[in-house]
Amino acid sequence: MAEEKICKTIHQYNKEPISSQNMEKLQEIADDYNKVKNYVFSRFGGIKSLPKLYPGYTIQNEMIASGYRDELALPFVYFNLAVFDALGSIKSQWTTIKAEVLQRVNANEGFTDEEKHYLRFVLKVGNAFEMVLNRREVRLDKAMQKQYDELCAKVSVPKLNNYLNRQVRKRHVQMHSEEANGFALTERAYRYANHGIYITMKEKRKRIFIPLTDNNSYNRQIYMKLYPEQRSIELHVPLYVEVKKHTDYTSEVGLAVGIHTMLVTDTGHSYGEKLGEYQIELSEWVREQRARYMANIHTNPGRKKYEAKKRRMTQQLHSYINMELNRFIKEEKPKVIYIPKLPKARKHGGDKAVNHTVSMWQRGYIKSRLRQKCAEQSIELVEVFGKDISNECSKCGAIGKKKEDIFYCSVCGYQIEQKQNAAQNAKKRGLVQRSQQNR
């Protein structure tokens, strides 16, 4: 039986600053790569190009025939990747639109079951979807056509098609990439050697050499991110690794995620207790620098040192988060983790210092890294409904009060640290949720 694998991203860095001349050459490739993407967005990002998106070779052939590659003098290896990079973004947008419209259809109580069935059918059958949006007669293969005709006989097709068109046009936007800060490379565009990497340039048979901080080499499509002001680059290498299975990972752990202490378990163990210090330091520094920048904006102050230091501080924060997540998994040995669904970012009011701290809260990064590490270690991650999870008593279910980080229940008299109470509620809700799903 084949081992289960998961994709993780390896990062590689330049060992020494890249010369200004070589940095300009790399930036030129990134600029042209971005131009190709925007050309694809403008020409094939609309509704009329839907029939050409899958599998995408029609668009590739049209782009080659357009002569745009010759105009830019961009090597085919970069041109081709830019085309399919843009196509991936366009397809992703259409997937998101379909999901949002489907959610809207399911929640609309004004539709009958037959009308919902028709709309779901059109959204899920690609050919029908693009024909409806382009106001063309729907023609499918024999089996699907029969099912479609049966659905049409029970509903008002023009009414539902108009509804679908309105919902799609509300959400569809013309895509455009503003930042030319990187580009993808296949094996034909690079070569590892001499403790570094050789990158193909726009000039024929010309490559530049970049020494790297490690001696690892790979043979797959990679992505190079550019930092011109720091004269540095970062390589993103997707790597498939075998999922680890642990027979001694048997515990079921409820978690509460916080701004000051990163994780608190249902048993009261804390991980990432210095997270708040790191985040406050970063947010205060960003706030001070922004105020200083705005006060002197008329003198056109540079941002090179600001961006470099902010990047270093953010990397330091992320390193701490990863270290504490690793410690949590190693010490708790969880088989299942129950975690509340984290709230979405929203507009703030009141204390500006607090707002800056909240805006710097790395909840998205924490969640993504926890999800990745759980996948790598065969740990099940269960997200539970988060409403009132810190206000509800984990013993009796009544709504209690919090004072100085302690939760008090006036009904049963239960007292406990508020984050631990939230973690216990997460586990309690998760166990109920899993039992309902397994019925």
Protein backbone atom coordinates (compact mmCIF):
# COMPACT_ATOMS: atom_id res chain seq x y z
CA MET A 1 0.00 0.00 0.00
CA ALA A 2 1.38 3.41 -1.00
CA GLU A 3 2.36 5.74 1.82
CA GLU A 4 0.11 8.77 2.32
CA LYS A 5 1.92 12.00 1.46
CA ILE A 6 1.33 15.70 2.03
CA CYS A 7 2.79 18.81 0.41
CA LYS A 8 4.86 21.22 2.47
CA THR A 9 6.85 24.25 1.34
CA ILE A 10 10.62 24.39 1.86
CA HIS A 11 12.26 27.83 1.91
CA GLN A 12 15.76 28.57 0.65
CA TYR A 13 17.63 31.87 0.92
CA ASN A 14 20.59 33.60 -0.71
CA LYS A 15 23.80 33.42 1.30
CA GLU A 16 25.09 36.88 0.38
CA PRO A 17 23.56 40.06 -1.11
CA ILE A 18 22.85 39.81 -4.84
CA SER A 19 24.57 42.39 -7.03
CA SER A 20 22.42 45.31 -8.21
CA GLN A 21 22.99 44.30 -11.84
CA ASN A 22 21.78 40.73 -11.28
CA MET A 23 18.87 41.95 -9.16
CA GLU A 24 17.75 44.16 -12.05
CA LYS A 25 17.85 41.17 -14.41
CA LEU A 26 15.73 39.09 -12.05
CA GLN A 27 13.30 41.98 -11.60
CA GLU A 28 13.01 42.32 -15.39
CA ILE A 29 11.88 38.67 -15.61
CA ALA A 30 9.39 39.26 -12.79
CA ASP A 31 8.02 42.36 -14.55
CA ASP A 32 7.52 40.51 -17.84
CA TYR A 33 6.06 37.50 -16.01
CA ASN A 34 3.53 39.85 -14.42
CA LYS A 35 2.73 41.48 -17.77
CA VAL A 36 1.92 38.07 -19.27
CA LYS A 37 -0.37 37.27 -16.34
CA ASN A 38 -2.23 40.56 -16.72
CA TYR A 39 -2.53 39.99 -20.49
CA VAL A 40 -4.16 36.61 -19.79
CA PHE A 41 -6.42 38.16 -17.14
CA SER A 42 -7.64 40.87 -19.52
CA ARG A 43 -8.11 38.59 -22.52
CA PHE A 44 -9.40 35.37 -20.93
CA GLY A 45 -10.73 36.40 -17.52
CA GLY A 46 -14.27 37.11 -18.71
CA ILE A 47 -17.42 35.02 -18.98
CA LYS A 48 -17.03 34.45 -22.72
CA SER A 49 -13.71 32.65 -22.17
CA LEU A 50 -15.19 30.05 -19.81
CA PRO A 51 -15.29 27.30 -22.52
CA LYS A 52 -11.52 27.72 -23.06
CA LEU A 53 -10.42 27.34 -19.45
CA TYR A 54 -10.35 23.55 -19.30
CA PRO A 55 -7.82 22.12 -19.76
CA GLY A 56 -6.28 25.44 -20.87
CA TYR A 57 -4.27 24.39 -23.93
CA THR A 58 -6.53 26.44 -26.23
CA ILE A 59 -5.51 29.56 -24.33
CA GLN A 60 -1.86 28.48 -24.34
CA ASN A 61 -1.93 28.07 -28.13
CA GLU A 62 -3.64 31.44 -28.62
CA MET A 63 -1.06 33.13 -26.39
CA ILE A 64 1.82 31.60 -28.38
CA ALA A 65 0.20 32.67 -31.66
CA SER A 66 -0.35 36.22 -30.37
CA GLY A 67 3.35 37.07 -30.66
CA TYR A 68 3.37 38.61 -27.18
CA ARG A 69 6.27 36.40 -26.08
CA ASP A 70 8.45 37.66 -28.94
CA GLU A 71 7.47 41.22 -28.09
CA LEU A 72 8.74 40.78 -24.53
CA ALA A 73 11.69 38.57 -25.56
CA LEU A 74 10.77 36.35 -22.62
CA PRO A 75 12.06 32.74 -22.64
CA PHE A 76 9.28 30.24 -23.32
CA VAL A 77 9.87 28.50 -19.99
CA TYR A 78 8.80 31.66 -18.11
CA PHE A 79 6.11 32.66 -20.60
CA ASN A 80 4.37 29.29 -20.37
CA LEU A 81 4.45 29.27 -16.57
CA ALA A 82 3.01 32.80 -16.42
CA VAL A 83 0.12 31.75 -18.68
CA PHE A 84 -0.81 28.76 -16.52
CA ASP A 85 -0.23 30.76 -13.33
CA ALA A 86 -2.85 33.26 -14.52
CA LEU A 87 -5.18 30.46 -15.62
CA GLY A 88 -4.93 28.96 -12.14
CA SER A 89 -6.01 32.27 -10.60
CA ILE A 90 -8.93 32.60 -13.04
CA LYS A 91 -10.11 29.04 -12.32
CA SER A 92 -9.81 29.69 -8.60
CA GLN A 93 -12.00 32.78 -8.93
CA TRP A 94 -14.69 30.80 -10.77
CA THR A 95 -14.58 28.06 -8.11
CA THR A 96 -15.08 30.69 -5.39
CA ILE A 97 -17.95 32.33 -7.30
CA LYS A 98 -19.74 29.00 -7.77
CA ALA A 99 -19.35 28.15 -4.07
CA GLU A 100 -20.72 31.54 -2.98
CA VAL A 101 -23.70 31.39 -5.36
CA LEU A 102 -24.45 27.81 -4.28
CA GLN A 103 -24.42 28.92 -0.65
CA ARG A 104 -26.79 31.77 -1.54
CA VAL A 105 -29.14 29.37 -3.37
CA ASN A 106 -29.25 26.94 -0.44
CA ALA A 107 -30.06 29.76 2.00
CA ASN A 108 -32.81 31.30 -0.20
CA GLU A 109 -36.16 30.25 1.26
CA GLY A 110 -38.00 31.78 -1.70
CA PHE A 111 -36.96 28.94 -4.01
CA THR A 112 -38.83 25.66 -4.25
CA ASP A 113 -36.93 22.37 -3.99
CA GLU A 114 -37.21 21.93 -7.78
CA GLU A 115 -35.77 25.42 -8.41
CA LYS A 116 -32.87 24.77 -6.04
CA HIS A 117 -32.24 21.43 -7.76
CA TYR A 118 -32.09 23.14 -11.17
CA LEU A 119 -29.67 25.84 -9.96
CA ARG A 120 -27.41 23.29 -8.25
CA PHE A 121 -27.34 21.23 -11.44
CA VAL A 122 -26.29 24.21 -13.58
CA LEU A 123 -23.63 25.27 -11.06
CA LYS A 124 -22.09 21.79 -10.86
CA VAL A 125 -22.20 20.86 -14.56
CA GLY A 126 -19.49 23.02 -16.16
CA ASN A 127 -20.84 23.01 -19.71
CA ALA A 128 -24.33 23.97 -18.56
CA PHE A 129 -22.92 26.76 -16.38
CA GLU A 130 -20.97 28.47 -19.17
CA MET A 131 -23.85 28.07 -21.66
CA VAL A 132 -26.33 29.70 -19.28
CA LEU A 133 -23.97 32.60 -18.55
CA ASN A 134 -23.32 33.14 -22.26
CA ARG A 135 -27.07 32.99 -23.06
CA ARG A 136 -26.64 29.92 -25.24
CA GLU A 137 -28.92 26.93 -25.56
CA VAL A 138 -27.81 24.19 -23.18
CA ARG A 139 -26.63 21.11 -25.07
CA LEU A 140 -25.13 18.24 -23.05
CA ASP A 141 -24.39 14.55 -23.57
CA LYS A 142 -27.40 12.25 -23.81
CA ALA A 143 -27.68 11.20 -20.15
CA MET A 144 -27.09 14.70 -18.74
CA GLN A 145 -29.38 16.28 -21.33
CA LYS A 146 -32.23 14.02 -20.26
CA GLN A 147 -31.76 15.02 -16.62
CA TYR A 148 -31.53 18.71 -17.56
CA ASP A 149 -34.73 18.57 -19.65
CA GLU A 150 -36.59 16.92 -16.77
CA LEU A 151 -35.51 19.72 -14.43
CA CYS A 152 -36.48 22.41 -16.97
CA ALA A 153 -40.01 21.03 -17.20
CA LYS A 154 -40.61 21.77 -13.49
CA VAL A 155 -39.30 25.36 -13.26
CA SER A 156 -39.24 28.74 -14.98
CA VAL A 157 -35.90 28.50 -16.76
CA PRO A 158 -35.59 32.19 -17.86
CA LYS A 159 -36.28 33.39 -14.30
CA LEU A 160 -33.64 31.11 -12.76
CA ASN A 161 -31.08 31.78 -15.50
CA ASN A 162 -31.49 35.53 -14.95
CA TYR A 163 -31.02 35.02 -11.21
CA LEU A 164 -27.85 33.03 -11.82
CA ASN A 165 -26.47 35.67 -14.19
CA ARG A 166 -27.13 38.45 -11.67
CA GLN A 167 -25.44 36.59 -8.83
CA VAL A 168 -22.39 35.75 -10.93
CA ARG A 169 -21.96 39.26 -12.31
CA LYS A 170 -22.13 40.70 -8.79
CA ARG A 171 -19.14 38.61 -7.80
CA HIS A 172 -17.06 38.40 -10.94
CA VAL A 173 -14.30 41.01 -11.22
CA GLN A 174 -11.59 41.62 -13.79
CA MET A 175 -8.43 40.26 -12.21
CA HIS A 176 -5.21 42.27 -12.23
CA SER A 177 -1.82 41.69 -10.63
CA GLU A 178 -0.17 44.86 -9.31
CA GLU A 179 2.98 43.42 -7.76
CA ALA A 180 5.80 41.95 -9.83
CA ASN A 181 7.62 40.43 -6.87
CA GLY A 182 8.43 36.95 -8.16
CA PHE A 183 8.08 34.24 -10.78
CA ALA A 184 7.91 30.46 -11.14
CA LEU A 185 10.67 28.27 -12.56
CA THR A 186 10.68 24.73 -13.94
CA GLU A 187 13.74 22.45 -14.02
CA ARG A 188 14.65 23.85 -17.44
CA ALA A 189 15.11 27.32 -15.93
CA TYR A 190 17.48 26.51 -13.07
CA ARG A 191 20.30 24.21 -11.99
CA TYR A 192 21.69 23.53 -8.52
CA ALA A 193 25.49 23.41 -8.30
CA ASN A 194 28.44 24.78 -6.32
CA HIS A 195 26.39 25.37 -3.14
CA GLY A 196 23.95 27.58 -4.99
CA ILE A 197 21.58 27.86 -7.94
CA TYR A 198 22.00 29.01 -11.55
CA ILE A 199 19.00 30.92 -12.97
CA THR A 200 18.23 31.28 -16.70
CA MET A 201 18.18 34.91 -17.85
CA LYS A 202 16.41 36.61 -20.77
CA GLU A 203 19.65 36.65 -22.75
CA LYS A 204 20.28 33.41 -24.63
CA ARG A 205 22.61 30.95 -22.90
CA LYS A 206 23.07 33.32 -19.96
CA ARG A 207 22.63 32.32 -16.32
CA ILE A 208 23.34 34.07 -13.05
CA PHE A 209 24.64 32.26 -9.99
CA ILE A 210 23.15 32.80 -6.52
CA PRO A 211 24.93 31.18 -3.51
CA LEU A 212 22.43 29.64 -1.06
CA THR A 213 22.50 29.15 2.70
CA ASP A 214 22.02 25.38 2.34
CA ASN A 215 23.30 22.68 -0.01
CA ASN A 216 19.94 21.04 -0.75
CA SER A 217 18.89 20.59 -4.38
CA TYR A 218 15.49 19.81 -5.89
CA ASN A 219 14.07 18.86 -9.29
CA ARG A 220 10.58 20.33 -9.45
CA GLN A 221 8.77 23.56 -10.23
CA ILE A 222 9.75 26.23 -7.71
CA TYR A 223 8.87 29.86 -7.07
CA MET A 224 11.34 32.69 -6.59
CA LYS A 225 10.24 35.69 -4.52
CA LEU A 226 12.27 38.87 -4.91
CA TYR A 227 13.22 41.46 -2.31
CA PRO A 228 14.99 44.12 -4.41
CA GLU A 229 15.53 46.58 -1.57
CA GLN A 230 17.30 43.94 0.50
CA ARG A 231 19.02 42.53 -2.63
CA SER A 232 17.81 39.09 -1.64
CA ILE A 233 15.58 36.28 -2.86
CA GLU A 234 13.54 33.48 -1.31
CA LEU A 235 12.89 30.15 -3.03
CA HIS A 236 9.64 28.31 -2.31
CA VAL A 237 9.99 24.59 -3.02
CA PRO A 238 6.89 22.34 -2.78
CA LEU A 239 7.93 19.01 -1.32
CA TYR A 240 5.80 15.91 -0.79
CA VAL A 241 6.64 14.16 2.47
CA GLU A 242 5.28 10.97 3.98
CA VAL A 243 2.65 11.47 6.66
CA LYS A 244 3.92 10.26 10.03
CA LYS A 245 1.75 7.95 12.13
CA HIS A 246 2.23 7.71 15.90
CA THR A 247 0.79 4.84 17.92
CA ASP A 248 1.41 6.75 21.17
CA TYR A 249 -0.60 9.80 20.05
CA THR A 250 -3.87 8.91 21.81
CA SER A 251 -5.14 12.01 23.64
CA GLU A 252 -8.06 14.23 22.61
CA VAL A 253 -7.24 17.88 23.31
CA GLY A 254 -9.47 20.96 23.44
CA LEU A 255 -7.73 24.24 22.58
CA ALA A 256 -8.32 27.94 23.13
CA VAL A 257 -6.35 30.35 20.94
CA GLY A 258 -5.45 33.75 22.36
CA ILE A 259 -3.63 36.99 21.61
CA HIS A 260 -1.36 36.93 24.68
CA THR A 261 -1.01 33.20 25.33
CA MET A 262 -1.11 31.36 22.02
CA LEU A 263 -2.64 28.04 23.14
CA VAL A 264 -4.31 26.83 26.33
CA THR A 265 -5.47 23.20 26.58
CA ASP A 266 -8.52 21.81 28.37
CA THR A 267 -6.18 20.48 31.08
CA GLY A 268 -4.69 23.95 31.67
CA HIS A 269 -1.36 23.56 29.87
CA SER A 270 -0.14 26.75 28.13
CA TYR A 271 2.00 27.10 25.01
CA GLY A 272 3.29 30.31 23.45
CA GLU A 273 3.04 32.41 26.62
CA LYS A 274 5.32 35.07 25.13
CA LEU A 275 3.22 35.50 21.97
CA GLY A 276 1.65 38.68 23.35
CA GLU A 277 5.06 40.21 24.06
CA TYR A 278 6.26 39.53 20.52
CA GLN A 279 3.04 40.85 18.96
CA ILE A 280 2.89 43.99 21.13
CA GLU A 281 6.54 44.74 20.35
CA LEU A 282 5.85 44.40 16.61
CA SER A 283 2.57 46.35 16.65
CA GLU A 284 3.98 49.20 18.77
CA TRP A 285 7.03 49.49 16.53
CA VAL A 286 4.86 49.51 13.36
CA ARG A 287 2.57 52.15 14.89
CA GLU A 288 5.48 54.38 15.87
CA GLN A 289 7.15 54.02 12.48
CA ARG A 290 3.91 54.82 10.66
CA ALA A 291 3.39 57.97 12.75
CA ARG A 292 6.99 59.06 12.07
CA TYR A 293 6.60 58.32 8.35
CA MET A 294 3.35 60.30 8.05
CA ALA A 295 4.86 63.25 9.93
CA ASN A 296 7.74 63.45 7.42
CA ILE A 297 5.97 62.27 4.28
CA HIS A 298 6.62 65.59 2.51
CA THR A 299 10.36 64.83 2.59
CA ASN A 300 9.75 61.48 0.82
CA PRO A 301 11.47 59.28 3.45
CA GLY A 302 12.65 55.87 2.31
CA ARG A 303 11.12 52.64 3.59
CA LYS A 304 14.04 50.28 2.95
CA LYS A 305 15.17 49.96 6.58
CA TYR A 306 11.55 49.83 7.78
CA GLU A 307 10.64 46.92 5.49
CA ALA A 308 13.83 45.03 6.36
CA LYS A 309 13.32 45.33 10.13
CA LYS A 310 9.60 44.54 9.91
CA ARG A 311 10.44 41.41 7.95
CA ARG A 312 13.02 40.34 10.56
CA MET A 313 10.61 40.92 13.44
CA THR A 314 7.81 39.03 11.66
CA GLN A 315 10.14 36.10 10.93
CA GLN A 316 11.19 36.05 14.59
CA LEU A 317 7.51 35.95 15.62
CA HIS A 318 6.75 33.15 13.15
CA SER A 319 9.75 31.14 14.37
CA TYR A 320 8.45 31.40 17.93
CA ILE A 321 4.95 30.29 16.84
CA ASN A 322 6.34 27.25 15.03
CA MET A 323 8.59 26.33 17.96
CA GLU A 324 5.66 26.42 20.40
CA LEU A 325 3.36 24.48 18.07
CA ASN A 326 6.03 21.77 17.79
CA ARG A 327 6.37 21.70 21.58
CA PHE A 328 2.59 21.43 21.98
CA ILE A 329 2.36 18.42 19.65
CA LYS A 330 5.40 16.70 21.16
CA GLU A 331 4.21 17.07 24.76
CA GLU A 332 0.44 16.58 24.36
CA LYS A 333 0.68 13.74 21.78
CA PRO A 334 -2.83 14.43 20.44
CA LYS A 335 -4.85 12.07 18.29
CA VAL A 336 -7.63 14.66 17.89
CA ILE A 337 -7.54 18.44 18.45
CA TYR A 338 -10.71 20.46 18.99
CA ILE A 339 -10.40 24.17 18.23
CA PRO A 340 -13.00 26.97 17.94
CA LYS A 341 -13.53 28.57 14.56
CA LEU A 342 -11.60 31.83 14.83
CA PRO A 343 -13.50 35.07 14.13
CA LYS A 344 -12.85 36.95 10.91
CA ALA A 345 -10.96 40.24 10.99
CA ARG A 346 -13.26 43.24 11.36
CA LYS A 347 -13.09 47.01 11.67
CA HIS A 348 -12.02 48.25 15.07
CA GLY A 349 -12.97 51.21 17.18
CA GLY A 350 -11.74 52.74 20.40
CA ASP A 351 -8.18 52.39 21.64
CA LYS A 352 -5.79 52.67 18.69
CA ALA A 353 -3.00 50.85 20.54
CA VAL A 354 -5.30 47.89 21.17
CA ASN A 355 -6.44 47.99 17.54
CA HIS A 356 -2.84 47.77 16.31
CA THR A 357 -2.19 44.79 18.60
CA VAL A 358 -5.31 43.00 17.36
CA SER A 359 -4.42 43.72 13.73
CA MET A 360 -1.02 42.10 14.30
CA TRP A 361 -2.59 38.99 15.88
CA GLN A 362 -1.20 36.08 13.88
CA ARG A 363 -4.38 33.98 14.11
CA GLY A 364 -4.39 33.15 10.40
CA TYR A 365 -0.74 32.08 10.49
CA ILE A 366 -1.24 30.06 13.70
CA LYS A 367 -4.24 28.26 12.24
CA SER A 368 -2.54 27.49 8.91
CA ARG A 369 0.62 26.18 10.60
CA LEU A 370 -1.39 24.07 13.06
CA ARG A 371 -3.40 22.60 10.18
CA GLN A 372 -0.19 21.80 8.25
CA LYS A 373 1.50 20.17 11.24
CA CYS A 374 -1.62 18.12 12.04
CA ALA A 375 -1.71 16.85 8.46
CA GLU A 376 1.99 15.91 8.63
CA GLN A 377 1.54 13.98 11.90
CA SER A 378 -1.82 12.25 11.13
CA ILE A 379 -3.63 14.32 13.77
CA GLU A 380 -7.32 15.03 13.24
CA LEU A 381 -8.18 18.74 13.56
CA VAL A 382 -11.84 19.44 14.35
CA GLU A 383 -13.18 23.01 14.20
CA VAL A 384 -16.20 23.69 16.41
CA PHE A 385 -18.80 26.45 16.59
CA GLY A 386 -17.21 29.34 18.49
CA LYS A 387 -20.17 31.44 19.67
CA ASP A 388 -20.10 32.06 23.46
CA ILE A 389 -17.39 29.43 23.83
CA SER A 390 -15.59 31.51 26.48
CA ASN A 391 -18.80 32.74 28.18
CA GLU A 392 -20.49 29.35 28.60
CA CYS A 393 -19.80 27.20 31.64
CA SER A 394 -18.11 23.98 30.57
CA LYS A 395 -19.72 22.12 33.50
CA CYS A 396 -23.42 23.10 33.35
CA GLY A 397 -23.73 25.11 30.12
CA ALA A 398 -24.99 28.31 31.77
CA ILE A 399 -23.64 31.74 30.78
CA GLY A 400 -21.17 32.96 33.37
CA LYS A 401 -18.98 35.99 34.03
CA LYS A 402 -15.25 36.70 33.73
CA LYS A 403 -13.12 38.74 36.07
CA GLU A 404 -9.33 39.07 35.94
CA ASP A 405 -8.96 36.07 33.60
CA ILE A 406 -11.10 33.84 35.84
CA PHE A 407 -14.46 32.42 34.74
CA TYR A 408 -17.25 32.30 37.34
CA CYS A 409 -20.53 30.40 36.95
CA SER A 410 -23.29 31.76 39.20
CA VAL A 411 -25.46 28.68 38.57
CA CYS A 412 -23.18 25.77 39.57
CA GLY A 413 -20.37 27.77 41.22
CA TYR A 414 -17.66 26.50 38.85
CA GLN A 415 -14.48 28.62 38.80
CA ILE A 416 -11.63 28.16 36.34
CA GLU A 417 -9.15 30.12 34.21
CA GLN A 418 -11.21 31.54 31.32
CA LYS A 419 -9.03 30.16 28.51
CA GLN A 420 -9.08 26.69 30.05
CA ASN A 421 -12.88 26.92 30.28
CA ALA A 422 -13.02 27.84 26.56
CA ALA A 423 -10.75 24.89 25.73
CA GLN A 424 -12.98 22.54 27.73
CA ASN A 425 -16.00 23.84 25.83
CA ALA A 426 -14.17 23.27 22.53
CA LYS A 427 -13.54 19.64 23.49
CA LYS A 428 -17.10 19.21 24.75
CA ARG A 429 -18.61 20.58 21.52
CA GLY A 430 -16.15 18.65 19.40
CA LEU A 431 -17.03 15.32 20.99
CA VAL A 432 -20.74 15.97 20.35
CA GLN A 433 -20.00 17.06 16.76
CA ARG A 434 -17.95 13.93 16.00
CA SER A 435 -20.54 11.60 17.53
CA GLN A 436 -23.26 13.15 15.36
CA GLN A 437 -21.12 12.80 12.23
CA ASN A 438 -20.36 9.13 12.98
CA ARG A 439 -24.01 8.11 13.34
